[in-house]
């Protein structure tokens, strides 16, 4: 999705950080939305969140993605935050053109 050839290239591109995955102009808003859903929504007992933001690919291409996050406690690693991304161009727009 980030137009990287392997995991090492991806990790270098994003600075090995979730914050590095998000377009800088969308970072503050996305972090606030995720925090609000994860920690200030009492009915969210499964610790899941959803937010839409842009990413910047290694080649400079900007894409809009849907982010589905899940915060879990793992007995071996402690708190782990999983993020599943869907590229809107691939997911939504191709379906409407078919």
C-alpha atoms as a PDB file:
ATOM      1  CA  UNK A   1       0.000   0.000   0.000  1.00  0.00           C
ATOM      2  CA  UNK A   2       2.898   2.364   0.695  1.00  0.00           C
ATOM      3  CA  UNK A   3       4.631   1.292  -2.538  1.00  0.00           C
ATOM      4  CA  UNK A   4       7.518  -0.266  -0.622  1.00  0.00           C
ATOM      5  CA  UNK A   5       9.237  -3.406  -1.831  1.00  0.00           C
ATOM      6  CA  UNK A   6       9.628  -5.102   1.547  1.00  0.00           C
ATOM      7  CA  UNK A   7       8.997  -4.695   5.260  1.00  0.00           C
ATOM      8  CA  UNK A   8      12.383  -3.103   5.914  1.00  0.00           C
ATOM      9  CA  UNK A   9      11.719  -0.423   3.300  1.00  0.00           C
ATOM     10  CA  UNK A  10       8.267   0.190   4.793  1.00  0.00           C
ATOM     11  CA  UNK A  11       9.617   0.481   8.339  1.00  0.00           C
ATOM     12  CA  UNK A  12      12.275   2.927   7.194  1.00  0.00           C
ATOM     13  CA  UNK A  13       9.710   4.988   5.250  1.00  0.00           C
ATOM     14  CA  UNK A  14       7.365   5.385   8.240  1.00  0.00           C
ATOM     15  CA  UNK A  15      10.143   5.712  10.801  1.00  0.00           C
ATOM     16  CA  UNK A  16       9.055   2.425  12.378  1.00  0.00           C
ATOM     17  CA  UNK A  17       6.161   4.332  13.954  1.00  0.00           C
ATOM     18  CA  UNK A  18       2.374   4.431  13.632  1.00  0.00           C
ATOM     19  CA  UNK A  19       2.618   8.222  13.556  1.00  0.00           C
ATOM     20  CA  UNK A  20       4.850   7.954  10.499  1.00  0.00           C
ATOM     21  CA  UNK A  21       2.108   6.059   8.675  1.00  0.00           C
ATOM     22  CA  UNK A  22      -0.299   9.020   8.657  1.00  0.00           C
ATOM     23  CA  UNK A  23      -0.097  12.102   6.424  1.00  0.00           C
ATOM     24  CA  UNK A  24       1.331  14.904   8.625  1.00  0.00           C
ATOM     25  CA  UNK A  25      -1.680  17.159   7.944  1.00  0.00           C
ATOM     26  CA  UNK A  26      -4.061  14.438   9.207  1.00  0.00           C
ATOM     27  CA  UNK A  27      -2.029  13.199  12.176  1.00  0.00           C
ATOM     28  CA  UNK A  28      -3.425  15.359  14.978  1.00  0.00           C
ATOM     29  CA  UNK A  29      -7.062  14.825  13.946  1.00  0.00           C
ATOM     30  CA  UNK A  30      -6.586  11.069  13.492  1.00  0.00           C
ATOM     31  CA  UNK A  31      -4.875  10.692  16.868  1.00  0.00           C
ATOM     32  CA  UNK A  32      -7.672  12.622  18.588  1.00  0.00           C
ATOM     33  CA  UNK A  33     -10.378  10.510  16.928  1.00  0.00           C
ATOM     34  CA  UNK A  34      -8.621   7.262  17.821  1.00  0.00           C
ATOM     35  CA  UNK A  35      -8.039   8.343  21.427  1.00  0.00           C
ATOM     36  CA  UNK A  36     -11.659   9.457  21.807  1.00  0.00           C
ATOM     37  CA  UNK A  37     -12.982   6.152  20.505  1.00  0.00           C
ATOM     38  CA  UNK A  38     -10.515   4.001  22.460  1.00  0.00           C
ATOM     39  CA  UNK A  39     -10.575   5.705  25.862  1.00  0.00           C
ATOM     40  CA  UNK A  40     -13.553   8.086  26.106  1.00  0.00           C
ATOM     41  CA  UNK A  41     -16.306   5.852  24.741  1.00  0.00           C
ATOM     42  CA  UNK A  42     -17.466   3.628  27.638  1.00  0.00           C
ATOM     43  CA  UNK A  43     -19.510   1.313  25.416  1.00  0.00           C
ATOM     44  CA  UNK A  44     -16.376   0.470  23.368  1.00  0.00           C
ATOM     45  CA  UNK A  45     -15.464  -2.529  25.535  1.00  0.00           C
ATOM     46  CA  UNK A  46     -13.682  -4.288  22.642  1.00  0.00           C
ATOM     47  CA  UNK A  47     -11.277  -1.334  22.185  1.00  0.00           C
ATOM     48  CA  UNK A  48     -11.884  -0.933  18.447  1.00  0.00           C
ATOM     49  CA  UNK A  49     -11.742   2.267  16.424  1.00  0.00           C
ATOM     50  CA  UNK A  50     -12.280   3.575  12.920  1.00  0.00           C
ATOM     51  CA  UNK A  51     -10.808   6.670  11.259  1.00  0.00           C
ATOM     52  CA  UNK A  52     -10.201   7.866   7.692  1.00  0.00           C
ATOM     53  CA  UNK A  53      -7.006   9.691   6.793  1.00  0.00           C
ATOM     54  CA  UNK A  54      -4.381  10.080   4.089  1.00  0.00           C
ATOM     55  CA  UNK A  55      -1.025   8.364   3.792  1.00  0.00           C
ATOM     56  CA  UNK A  56       2.071   9.347   1.840  1.00  0.00           C
ATOM     57  CA  UNK A  57       3.617   6.493  -0.124  1.00  0.00           C
ATOM     58  CA  UNK A  58       7.343   6.064  -0.586  1.00  0.00           C
ATOM     59  CA  UNK A  59       7.111   7.464  -4.127  1.00  0.00           C
ATOM     60  CA  UNK A  60       5.181  10.541  -2.894  1.00  0.00           C
ATOM     61  CA  UNK A  61       1.725   9.335  -3.951  1.00  0.00           C
ATOM     62  CA  UNK A  62      -1.006  10.360  -1.489  1.00  0.00           C
ATOM     63  CA  UNK A  63      -3.796   7.858  -0.801  1.00  0.00           C
ATOM     64  CA  UNK A  64      -6.884   7.969   1.394  1.00  0.00           C
ATOM     65  CA  UNK A  65      -7.363   4.960   3.661  1.00  0.00           C
ATOM     66  CA  UNK A  66      -9.855   3.606   6.145  1.00  0.00           C
ATOM     67  CA  UNK A  67      -8.133   2.559   9.377  1.00  0.00           C
ATOM     68  CA  UNK A  68      -9.682  -0.098  11.593  1.00  0.00           C
ATOM     69  CA  UNK A  69      -7.755  -0.329  14.857  1.00  0.00           C
ATOM     70  CA  UNK A  70      -7.937  -2.799  17.701  1.00  0.00           C
ATOM     71  CA  UNK A  71      -6.168  -2.437  21.038  1.00  0.00           C
ATOM     72  CA  UNK A  72      -5.609  -5.765  22.803  1.00  0.00           C
ATOM     73  CA  UNK A  73      -3.651  -7.091  25.739  1.00  0.00           C
ATOM     74  CA  UNK A  74      -1.314  -9.944  24.864  1.00  0.00           C
ATOM     75  CA  UNK A  75       0.092 -12.063  27.696  1.00  0.00           C
ATOM     76  CA  UNK A  76       3.539 -12.059  26.069  1.00  0.00           C
ATOM     77  CA  UNK A  77       3.785  -8.493  24.716  1.00  0.00           C
ATOM     78  CA  UNK A  78       1.417  -6.401  26.826  1.00  0.00           C
ATOM     79  CA  UNK A  79      -0.732  -3.836  25.020  1.00  0.00           C
ATOM     80  CA  UNK A  80      -0.671  -4.335  21.244  1.00  0.00           C
ATOM     81  CA  UNK A  81      -2.412  -2.051  18.745  1.00  0.00           C
ATOM     82  CA  UNK A  82      -3.419  -3.708  15.477  1.00  0.00           C
ATOM     83  CA  UNK A  83      -4.226  -1.529  12.473  1.00  0.00           C
ATOM     84  CA  UNK A  84      -5.954  -2.771   9.327  1.00  0.00           C
ATOM     85  CA  UNK A  85      -5.875  -0.338   6.410  1.00  0.00           C
ATOM     86  CA  UNK A  86      -8.113  -0.315   3.345  1.00  0.00           C
ATOM     87  CA  UNK A  87      -7.092   1.755   0.330  1.00  0.00           C
ATOM     88  CA  UNK A  88     -10.261   3.624  -0.689  1.00  0.00           C
ATOM     89  CA  UNK A  89      -9.229   3.699  -4.339  1.00  0.00           C
ATOM     90  CA  UNK A  90      -8.991  -0.082  -4.409  1.00  0.00           C
ATOM     91  CA  UNK A  91     -11.879  -0.776  -2.058  1.00  0.00           C
ATOM     92  CA  UNK A  92     -14.675   1.690  -2.789  1.00  0.00           C
ATOM     93  CA  UNK A  93     -14.073   3.416  -6.087  1.00  0.00           C
ATOM     94  CA  UNK A  94     -13.412   0.254  -8.092  1.00  0.00           C
ATOM     95  CA  UNK A  95     -16.705  -1.202  -6.853  1.00  0.00           C
ATOM     96  CA  UNK A  96     -18.670   1.852  -8.003  1.00  0.00           C
ATOM     97  CA  UNK A  97     -17.051   1.804 -11.450  1.00  0.00           C
ATOM     98  CA  UNK A  98     -17.851  -1.851 -12.094  1.00  0.00           C
END
